[in-house]
């Protein structure tokens, strides 16, 4: 991951089991006939900050307070450059 694409500490999710995650926009061309298809995804990173995978975001939370945190983290994804599927190879 280039330094320009690497999220800063405030944009990372919680550490869990040797990886971290955040919300990012990922261009999933393979899902749209090789045409741009931007999707909000949960992106996981290894300890060196290399993206290792992505999946659809969870849109639920335990409380309204933590739901606001989820909403804020999703908004932060709009401030980062979109990732490409190639970033995960």
PDB file of N, CA and C in Angstrom:
ATOM      1  N   UNK A   1       0.847  -1.161   0.000  1.00  0.00           N
ATOM      2  CA  UNK A   1       0.000   0.000   0.000  1.00  0.00           C
ATOM      3  C   UNK A   1       0.896   1.227   0.000  1.00  0.00           C
ATOM      4  N   UNK A   2       0.619   2.170  -0.861  1.00  0.00           N
ATOM      5  CA  UNK A   2       1.419   3.381  -0.879  1.00  0.00           C
ATOM      6  C   UNK A   2       1.070   4.232   0.335  1.00  0.00           C
ATOM      7  N   UNK A   3       1.997   5.084   0.724  1.00  0.00           N
ATOM      8  CA  UNK A   3       1.755   5.956   1.865  1.00  0.00           C
ATOM      9  C   UNK A   3       0.546   6.859   1.624  1.00  0.00           C
ATOM     10  N   UNK A   4       0.304   7.244   0.349  1.00  0.00           N
ATOM     11  CA  UNK A   4      -0.830   8.106   0.043  1.00  0.00           C
ATOM     12  C   UNK A   4      -2.157   7.417   0.325  1.00  0.00           C
ATOM     13  N   UNK A   5      -2.210   6.094   0.183  1.00  0.00           N
ATOM     14  CA  UNK A   5      -3.448   5.353   0.401  1.00  0.00           C
ATOM     15  C   UNK A   5      -3.582   4.812   1.810  1.00  0.00           C
ATOM     16  N   UNK A   6      -2.501   4.850   2.581  1.00  0.00           N
ATOM     17  CA  UNK A   6      -2.523   4.263   3.915  1.00  0.00           C
ATOM     18  C   UNK A   6      -3.306   5.167   4.870  1.00  0.00           C
ATOM     19  N   UNK A   7      -4.330   4.626   5.523  1.00  0.00           N
ATOM     20  CA  UNK A   7      -5.101   5.445   6.451  1.00  0.00           C
ATOM     21  C   UNK A   7      -4.263   5.843   7.655  1.00  0.00           C
ATOM     22  N   UNK A   8      -4.543   7.012   8.221  1.00  0.00           N
ATOM     23  CA  UNK A   8      -3.840   7.386   9.438  1.00  0.00           C
ATOM     24  C   UNK A   8      -4.496   6.692  10.636  1.00  0.00           C
ATOM     25  N   UNK A   9      -3.904   6.854  11.796  1.00  0.00           N
ATOM     26  CA  UNK A   9      -4.345   6.105  12.974  1.00  0.00           C
ATOM     27  C   UNK A   9      -5.813   6.347  13.301  1.00  0.00           C
ATOM     28  N   UNK A  10      -6.328   7.541  13.076  1.00  0.00           N
ATOM     29  CA  UNK A  10      -7.719   7.831  13.409  1.00  0.00           C
ATOM     30  C   UNK A  10      -8.696   7.174  12.447  1.00  0.00           C
ATOM     31  N   UNK A  11      -8.226   6.742  11.267  1.00  0.00           N
ATOM     32  CA  UNK A  11      -9.113   6.155  10.276  1.00  0.00           C
ATOM     33  C   UNK A  11      -9.129   4.628  10.329  1.00  0.00           C
ATOM     34  N   UNK A  12      -8.360   4.031  11.205  1.00  0.00           N
ATOM     35  CA  UNK A  12      -8.299   2.582  11.329  1.00  0.00           C
ATOM     36  C   UNK A  12      -9.351   2.108  12.301  1.00  0.00           C
ATOM     37  N   UNK A  13      -9.880   0.923  12.059  1.00  0.00           N
ATOM     38  CA  UNK A  13     -10.781   0.290  13.021  1.00  0.00           C
ATOM     39  C   UNK A  13      -9.992  -0.296  14.173  1.00  0.00           C
ATOM     40  N   UNK A  14     -10.646  -1.054  14.978  1.00  0.00           N
ATOM     41  CA  UNK A  14     -10.014  -1.665  16.145  1.00  0.00           C
ATOM     42  C   UNK A  14      -9.072  -2.788  15.724  1.00  0.00           C
ATOM     43  N   UNK A  15      -7.959  -2.950  16.445  1.00  0.00           N
ATOM     44  CA  UNK A  15      -7.059  -4.085  16.255  1.00  0.00           C
ATOM     45  C   UNK A  15      -7.755  -5.329  16.770  1.00  0.00           C
ATOM     46  N   UNK A  16      -7.638  -6.399  16.015  1.00  0.00           N
ATOM     47  CA  UNK A  16      -8.263  -7.658  16.450  1.00  0.00           C
ATOM     48  C   UNK A  16      -7.497  -8.818  15.841  1.00  0.00           C
ATOM     49  N   UNK A  17      -6.837  -9.590  16.652  1.00  0.00           N
ATOM     50  CA  UNK A  17      -6.199 -10.810  16.177  1.00  0.00           C
ATOM     51  C   UNK A  17      -5.131 -10.597  15.121  1.00  0.00           C
ATOM     52  N   UNK A  18      -4.351  -9.546  15.202  1.00  0.00           N
ATOM     53  CA  UNK A  18      -3.243  -9.351  14.277  1.00  0.00           C
ATOM     54  C   UNK A  18      -3.601  -8.617  12.999  1.00  0.00           C
ATOM     55  N   UNK A  19      -4.756  -8.023  12.919  1.00  0.00           N
ATOM     56  CA  UNK A  19      -5.091  -7.219  11.746  1.00  0.00           C
ATOM     57  C   UNK A  19      -5.950  -6.047  12.191  1.00  0.00           C
ATOM     58  N   UNK A  20      -6.160  -5.125  11.280  1.00  0.00           N
ATOM     59  CA  UNK A  20      -7.042  -4.003  11.535  1.00  0.00           C
ATOM     60  C   UNK A  20      -7.912  -3.802  10.309  1.00  0.00           C
ATOM     61  N   UNK A  21      -8.874  -2.919  10.414  1.00  0.00           N
ATOM     62  CA  UNK A  21      -9.790  -2.702   9.300  1.00  0.00           C
ATOM     63  C   UNK A  21     -10.286  -1.261   9.327  1.00  0.00           C
ATOM     64  N   UNK A  22     -10.832  -0.860   8.194  1.00  0.00           N
ATOM     65  CA  UNK A  22     -11.569   0.389   8.097  1.00  0.00           C
ATOM     66  C   UNK A  22     -12.519   0.275   6.912  1.00  0.00           C
ATOM     67  N   UNK A  23     -13.360   1.266   6.752  1.00  0.00           N
ATOM     68  CA  UNK A  23     -14.223   1.327   5.576  1.00  0.00           C
ATOM     69  C   UNK A  23     -13.472   2.035   4.469  1.00  0.00           C
ATOM     70  N   UNK A  24     -13.565   1.513   3.268  1.00  0.00           N
ATOM     71  CA  UNK A  24     -12.951   2.149   2.095  1.00  0.00           C
ATOM     72  C   UNK A  24     -13.879   1.975   0.905  1.00  0.00           C
ATOM     73  N   UNK A  25     -13.748   2.866  -0.046  1.00  0.00           N
ATOM     74  CA  UNK A  25     -14.399   2.701  -1.337  1.00  0.00           C
ATOM     75  C   UNK A  25     -13.458   1.845  -2.173  1.00  0.00           C
ATOM     76  N   UNK A  26     -13.989   0.767  -2.760  1.00  0.00           N
ATOM     77  CA  UNK A  26     -13.193  -0.130  -3.596  1.00  0.00           C
ATOM     78  C   UNK A  26     -13.864  -0.196  -4.963  1.00  0.00           C
ATOM     79  N   UNK A  27     -13.076  -0.010  -6.015  1.00  0.00           N
ATOM     80  CA  UNK A  27     -13.570  -0.091  -7.383  1.00  0.00           C
ATOM     81  C   UNK A  27     -13.580  -1.563  -7.799  1.00  0.00           C
ATOM     82  N   UNK A  28     -14.751  -2.176  -7.836  1.00  0.00           N
ATOM     83  CA  UNK A  28     -14.897  -3.604  -8.130  1.00  0.00           C
ATOM     84  C   UNK A  28     -15.328  -3.807  -9.579  1.00  0.00           C
ATOM     85  N   UNK A  29     -14.420  -3.505 -10.499  1.00  0.00           N
ATOM     86  CA  UNK A  29     -14.715  -3.627 -11.923  1.00  0.00           C
ATOM     87  C   UNK A  29     -15.131  -5.038 -12.310  1.00  0.00           C
ATOM     88  N   UNK A  30     -14.587  -6.049 -11.626  1.00  0.00           N
ATOM     89  CA  UNK A  30     -14.907  -7.431 -11.983  1.00  0.00           C
ATOM     90  C   UNK A  30     -16.392  -7.740 -11.769  1.00  0.00           C
ATOM     91  N   UNK A  31     -17.089  -6.937 -10.992  1.00  0.00           N
ATOM     92  CA  UNK A  31     -18.511  -7.150 -10.745  1.00  0.00           C
ATOM     93  C   UNK A  31     -19.397  -6.368 -11.714  1.00  0.00           C
ATOM     94  N   UNK A  32     -18.766  -5.650 -12.658  1.00  0.00           N
ATOM     95  CA  UNK A  32     -19.548  -4.790 -13.555  1.00  0.00           C
ATOM     96  C   UNK A  32     -18.989  -4.804 -14.974  1.00  0.00           C
ATOM     97  N   UNK A  33     -18.651  -5.987 -15.484  1.00  0.00           N
ATOM     98  CA  UNK A  33     -18.185  -6.087 -16.868  1.00  0.00           C
ATOM     99  C   UNK A  33     -16.961  -5.259 -17.158  1.00  0.00           C
ATOM    100  N   UNK A  34     -16.036  -5.142 -16.213  1.00  0.00           N
ATOM    101  CA  UNK A  34     -14.791  -4.380 -16.317  1.00  0.00           C
ATOM    102  C   UNK A  34     -15.009  -2.863 -16.397  1.00  0.00           C
ATOM    103  N   UNK A  35     -16.205  -2.419 -16.051  1.00  0.00           N
ATOM    104  CA  UNK A  35     -16.498  -0.982 -15.944  1.00  0.00           C
ATOM    105  C   UNK A  35     -16.421  -0.602 -14.466  1.00  0.00           C
ATOM    106  N   UNK A  36     -16.148   0.670 -14.186  1.00  0.00           N
ATOM    107  CA  UNK A  36     -16.066   1.126 -12.802  1.00  0.00           C
ATOM    108  C   UNK A  36     -17.328   0.765 -12.024  1.00  0.00           C
ATOM    109  N   UNK A  37     -17.141   0.305 -10.786  1.00  0.00           N
ATOM    110  CA  UNK A  37     -18.237  -0.014  -9.873  1.00  0.00           C
ATOM    111  C   UNK A  37     -17.724   0.220  -8.457  1.00  0.00           C
ATOM    112  N   UNK A  38     -17.974   1.408  -7.936  1.00  0.00           N
ATOM    113  CA  UNK A  38     -17.447   1.813  -6.638  1.00  0.00           C
ATOM    114  C   UNK A  38     -18.374   1.338  -5.526  1.00  0.00           C
ATOM    115  N   UNK A  39     -17.806   0.631  -4.557  1.00  0.00           N
ATOM    116  CA  UNK A  39     -18.577   0.053  -3.452  1.00  0.00           C
ATOM    117  C   UNK A  39     -17.921   0.377  -2.119  1.00  0.00           C
ATOM    118  N   UNK A  40     -18.747   0.636  -1.128  1.00  0.00           N
ATOM    119  CA  UNK A  40     -18.245   0.777   0.231  1.00  0.00           C
ATOM    120  C   UNK A  40     -17.990  -0.618   0.770  1.00  0.00           C
ATOM    121  N   UNK A  41     -16.760  -0.862   1.272  1.00  0.00           N
ATOM    122  CA  UNK A  41     -16.374  -2.174   1.759  1.00  0.00           C
ATOM    123  C   UNK A  41     -15.658  -2.039   3.098  1.00  0.00           C
ATOM    124  N   UNK A  42     -15.706  -3.095   3.898  1.00  0.00           N
ATOM    125  CA  UNK A  42     -14.822  -3.208   5.052  1.00  0.00           C
ATOM    126  C   UNK A  42     -13.524  -3.809   4.538  1.00  0.00           C
ATOM    127  N   UNK A  43     -12.412  -3.100   4.712  1.00  0.00           N
ATOM    128  CA  UNK A  43     -11.110  -3.563   4.221  1.00  0.00           C
ATOM    129  C   UNK A  43     -10.256  -3.960   5.418  1.00  0.00           C
ATOM    130  N   UNK A  44      -9.668  -5.159   5.355  1.00  0.00           N
ATOM    131  CA  UNK A  44      -8.771  -5.661   6.397  1.00  0.00           C
ATOM    132  C   UNK A  44      -7.329  -5.479   5.945  1.00  0.00           C
ATOM    133  N   UNK A  45      -6.450  -5.189   6.905  1.00  0.00           N
ATOM    134  CA  UNK A  45      -5.031  -4.968   6.659  1.00  0.00           C
ATOM    135  C   UNK A  45      -4.221  -5.863   7.578  1.00  0.00           C
ATOM    136  N   UNK A  46      -3.039  -6.279   7.112  1.00  0.00           N
ATOM    137  CA  UNK A  46      -2.130  -7.001   7.999  1.00  0.00           C
ATOM    138  C   UNK A  46      -1.367  -5.996   8.859  1.00  0.00           C
ATOM    139  N   UNK A  47      -0.461  -6.469   9.684  1.00  0.00           N
ATOM    140  CA  UNK A  47       0.257  -5.588  10.616  1.00  0.00           C
ATOM    141  C   UNK A  47       1.173  -4.592   9.923  1.00  0.00           C
ATOM    142  N   UNK A  48       1.522  -4.846   8.662  1.00  0.00           N
ATOM    143  CA  UNK A  48       2.349  -3.917   7.895  1.00  0.00           C
ATOM    144  C   UNK A  48       1.502  -2.906   7.118  1.00  0.00           C
ATOM    145  N   UNK A  49       0.179  -2.973   7.245  1.00  0.00           N
ATOM    146  CA  UNK A  49      -0.699  -2.033   6.561  1.00  0.00           C
ATOM    147  C   UNK A  49      -1.075  -2.457   5.160  1.00  0.00           C
ATOM    148  N   UNK A  50      -0.725  -3.684   4.745  1.00  0.00           N
ATOM    149  CA  UNK A  50      -1.083  -4.174   3.409  1.00  0.00           C
ATOM    150  C   UNK A  50      -2.520  -4.676   3.433  1.00  0.00           C
ATOM    151  N   UNK A  51      -3.355  -4.204   2.475  1.00  0.00           N
ATOM    152  CA  UNK A  51      -4.728  -4.701   2.445  1.00  0.00           C
ATOM    153  C   UNK A  51      -4.750  -6.192   2.103  1.00  0.00           C
ATOM    154  N   UNK A  52      -5.525  -6.949   2.856  1.00  0.00           N
ATOM    155  CA  UNK A  52      -5.558  -8.394   2.673  1.00  0.00           C
ATOM    156  C   UNK A  52      -6.907  -8.912   2.205  1.00  0.00           C
ATOM    157  N   UNK A  53      -7.942  -8.114   2.298  1.00  0.00           N
ATOM    158  CA  UNK A  53      -9.254  -8.564   1.858  1.00  0.00           C
ATOM    159  C   UNK A  53     -10.310  -7.519   2.137  1.00  0.00           C
ATOM    160  N   UNK A  54     -11.490  -7.767   1.586  1.00  0.00           N
ATOM    161  CA  UNK A  54     -12.595  -6.841   1.795  1.00  0.00           C
ATOM    162  C   UNK A  54     -13.904  -7.609   1.787  1.00  0.00           C
ATOM    163  N   UNK A  55     -14.912  -7.010   2.353  1.00  0.00           N
ATOM    164  CA  UNK A  55     -16.242  -7.596   2.377  1.00  0.00           C
ATOM    165  C   UNK A  55     -17.272  -6.504   2.561  1.00  0.00           C
ATOM    166  N   UNK A  56     -18.514  -6.871   2.381  1.00  0.00           N
ATOM    167  CA  UNK A  56     -19.608  -5.909   2.535  1.00  0.00           C
ATOM    168  C   UNK A  56     -19.651  -5.401   3.969  1.00  0.00           C
ATOM    169  N   UNK A  57     -19.946  -4.130   4.155  1.00  0.00           N
ATOM    170  CA  UNK A  57     -19.956  -3.582   5.508  1.00  0.00           C
ATOM    171  C   UNK A  57     -21.135  -4.075   6.334  1.00  0.00           C
ATOM    172  N   UNK A  58     -20.899  -4.200   7.618  1.00  0.00           N
ATOM    173  CA  UNK A  58     -21.963  -4.478   8.572  1.00  0.00           C
ATOM    174  C   UNK A  58     -22.648  -3.148   8.873  1.00  0.00           C
ATOM    175  N   UNK A  59     -23.939  -3.092   8.750  1.00  0.00           N
ATOM    176  CA  UNK A  59     -24.649  -1.838   8.983  1.00  0.00           C
ATOM    177  C   UNK A  59     -25.418  -1.843  10.294  1.00  0.00           C
ATOM    178  N   UNK A  60     -25.003  -2.690  11.204  1.00  0.00           N
ATOM    179  CA  UNK A  60     -25.642  -2.752  12.510  1.00  0.00           C
ATOM    180  C   UNK A  60     -24.649  -2.444  13.610  1.00  0.00           C
ATOM    181  N   UNK A  61     -25.171  -2.190  14.801  1.00  0.00           N
ATOM    182  CA  UNK A  61     -24.320  -1.908  15.940  1.00  0.00           C
ATOM    183  C   UNK A  61     -25.089  -2.183  17.222  1.00  0.00           C
ATOM    184  N   UNK A  62     -24.371  -2.232  18.357  1.00  0.00           N
ATOM    185  CA  UNK A  62     -24.973  -2.581  19.635  1.00  0.00           C
ATOM    186  C   UNK A  62     -25.808  -1.460  20.240  1.00  0.00           C
ATOM    187  N   UNK A  63     -25.502  -0.219  19.894  1.00  0.00           N
ATOM    188  CA  UNK A  63     -26.203   0.923  20.499  1.00  0.00           C
ATOM    189  C   UNK A  63     -26.214   2.078  19.508  1.00  0.00           C
ATOM    190  N   UNK A  64     -27.011   3.085  19.801  1.00  0.00           N
ATOM    191  CA  UNK A  64     -27.043   4.264  18.936  1.00  0.00           C
ATOM    192  C   UNK A  64     -25.701   4.997  18.965  1.00  0.00           C
ATOM    193  N   UNK A  65     -25.025   4.997  20.098  1.00  0.00           N
ATOM    194  CA  UNK A  65     -23.716   5.656  20.183  1.00  0.00           C
ATOM    195  C   UNK A  65     -22.716   4.978  19.254  1.00  0.00           C
ATOM    196  N   UNK A  66     -22.632   3.654  19.316  1.00  0.00           N
ATOM    197  CA  UNK A  66     -21.682   2.962  18.441  1.00  0.00           C
ATOM    198  C   UNK A  66     -22.153   2.986  16.991  1.00  0.00           C
ATOM    199  N   UNK A  67     -23.456   3.081  16.764  1.00  0.00           N
ATOM    200  CA  UNK A  67     -23.947   3.218  15.387  1.00  0.00           C
ATOM    201  C   UNK A  67     -23.482   4.543  14.798  1.00  0.00           C
ATOM    202  N   UNK A  68     -23.435   5.587  15.604  1.00  0.00           N
ATOM    203  CA  UNK A  68     -22.906   6.875  15.124  1.00  0.00           C
ATOM    204  C   UNK A  68     -21.434   6.733  14.744  1.00  0.00           C
ATOM    205  N   UNK A  69     -20.683   5.938  15.498  1.00  0.00           N
ATOM    206  CA  UNK A  69     -19.280   5.691  15.163  1.00  0.00           C
ATOM    207  C   UNK A  69     -19.164   4.988  13.822  1.00  0.00           C
ATOM    208  N   UNK A  70     -20.026   3.981  13.580  1.00  0.00           N
ATOM    209  CA  UNK A  70     -20.036   3.279  12.292  1.00  0.00           C
ATOM    210  C   UNK A  70     -20.315   4.269  11.172  1.00  0.00           C
ATOM    211  N   UNK A  71     -21.314   5.105  11.367  1.00  0.00           N
ATOM    212  CA  UNK A  71     -21.683   6.106  10.351  1.00  0.00           C
ATOM    213  C   UNK A  71     -20.519   7.063  10.083  1.00  0.00           C
ATOM    214  N   UNK A  72     -19.843   7.515  11.135  1.00  0.00           N
ATOM    215  CA  UNK A  72     -18.697   8.419  10.979  1.00  0.00           C
ATOM    216  C   UNK A  72     -17.563   7.740  10.210  1.00  0.00           C
ATOM    217  N   UNK A  73     -17.289   6.474  10.536  1.00  0.00           N
ATOM    218  CA  UNK A  73     -16.213   5.748   9.846  1.00  0.00           C
ATOM    219  C   UNK A  73     -16.530   5.578   8.363  1.00  0.00           C
ATOM    220  N   UNK A  74     -17.790   5.357   8.032  1.00  0.00           N
ATOM    221  CA  UNK A  74     -18.172   5.232   6.626  1.00  0.00           C
ATOM    222  C   UNK A  74     -17.961   6.561   5.905  1.00  0.00           C
ATOM    223  N   UNK A  75     -18.279   7.666   6.581  1.00  0.00           N
ATOM    224  CA  UNK A  75     -18.061   8.979   5.985  1.00  0.00           C
ATOM    225  C   UNK A  75     -16.586   9.249   5.729  1.00  0.00           C
ATOM    226  N   UNK A  76     -15.706   8.762   6.617  1.00  0.00           N
ATOM    227  CA  UNK A  76     -14.267   8.943   6.428  1.00  0.00           C
ATOM    228  C   UNK A  76     -13.777   8.261   5.152  1.00  0.00           C
ATOM    229  N   UNK A  77     -14.451   7.190   4.741  1.00  0.00           N
ATOM    230  CA  UNK A  77     -14.054   6.488   3.515  1.00  0.00           C
ATOM    231  C   UNK A  77     -14.140   7.400   2.292  1.00  0.00           C
ATOM    232  N   UNK A  78     -15.040   8.361   2.326  1.00  0.00           N
ATOM    233  CA  UNK A  78     -15.189   9.283   1.193  1.00  0.00           C
ATOM    234  C   UNK A  78     -14.020  10.251   1.079  1.00  0.00           C
ATOM    235  N   UNK A  79     -13.233  10.390   2.129  1.00  0.00           N
ATOM    236  CA  UNK A  79     -12.100  11.308   2.128  1.00  0.00           C
ATOM    237  C   UNK A  79     -10.808  10.657   1.633  1.00  0.00           C
ATOM    238  N   UNK A  80     -10.814   9.339   1.459  1.00  0.00           N
ATOM    239  CA  UNK A  80      -9.631   8.603   1.007  1.00  0.00           C
ATOM    240  C   UNK A  80      -9.779   8.243  -0.454  1.00  0.00           C
ATOM    241  N   UNK A  81      -8.666   8.106  -1.183  1.00  0.00           N
ATOM    242  CA  UNK A  81      -8.767   7.722  -2.599  1.00  0.00           C
ATOM    243  C   UNK A  81      -9.333   6.305  -2.716  1.00  0.00           C
ATOM    244  N   UNK A  82     -10.107   6.036  -3.769  1.00  0.00           N
ATOM    245  CA  UNK A  82     -10.643   4.683  -3.947  1.00  0.00           C
ATOM    246  C   UNK A  82      -9.527   3.672  -4.120  1.00  0.00           C
ATOM    247  N   UNK A  83      -9.745   2.487  -3.567  1.00  0.00           N
ATOM    248  CA  UNK A  83      -8.818   1.387  -3.764  1.00  0.00           C
ATOM    249  C   UNK A  83      -9.248   0.643  -5.029  1.00  0.00           C
ATOM    250  N   UNK A  84      -8.333  -0.132  -5.586  1.00  0.00           N
ATOM    251  CA  UNK A  84      -8.609  -0.947  -6.759  1.00  0.00           C
ATOM    252  C   UNK A  84      -8.479  -2.415  -6.363  1.00  0.00           C
ATOM    253  N   UNK A  85      -9.146  -3.292  -7.077  1.00  0.00           N
ATOM    254  CA  UNK A  85      -9.029  -4.722  -6.784  1.00  0.00           C
ATOM    255  C   UNK A  85      -7.588  -5.189  -6.778  1.00  0.00           C
ATOM    256  N   UNK A  86      -6.742  -4.580  -7.602  1.00  0.00           N
ATOM    257  CA  UNK A  86      -5.330  -4.957  -7.683  1.00  0.00           C
ATOM    258  C   UNK A  86      -4.581  -4.673  -6.390  1.00  0.00           C
ATOM    259  N   UNK A  87      -5.118  -3.776  -5.560  1.00  0.00           N
ATOM    260  CA  UNK A  87      -4.474  -3.457  -4.283  1.00  0.00           C
ATOM    261  C   UNK A  87      -4.459  -4.658  -3.338  1.00  0.00           C
ATOM    262  N   UNK A  88      -5.261  -5.668  -3.623  1.00  0.00           N
ATOM    263  CA  UNK A  88      -5.404  -6.814  -2.738  1.00  0.00           C
ATOM    264  C   UNK A  88      -4.630  -8.024  -3.208  1.00  0.00           C
ATOM    265  N   UNK A  89      -3.766  -7.859  -4.191  1.00  0.00           N
ATOM    266  CA  UNK A  89      -2.970  -8.980  -4.718  1.00  0.00           C
ATOM    267  C   UNK A  89      -1.580  -8.966  -4.172  1.00  0.00           C
TER     268      UNK A  89
END
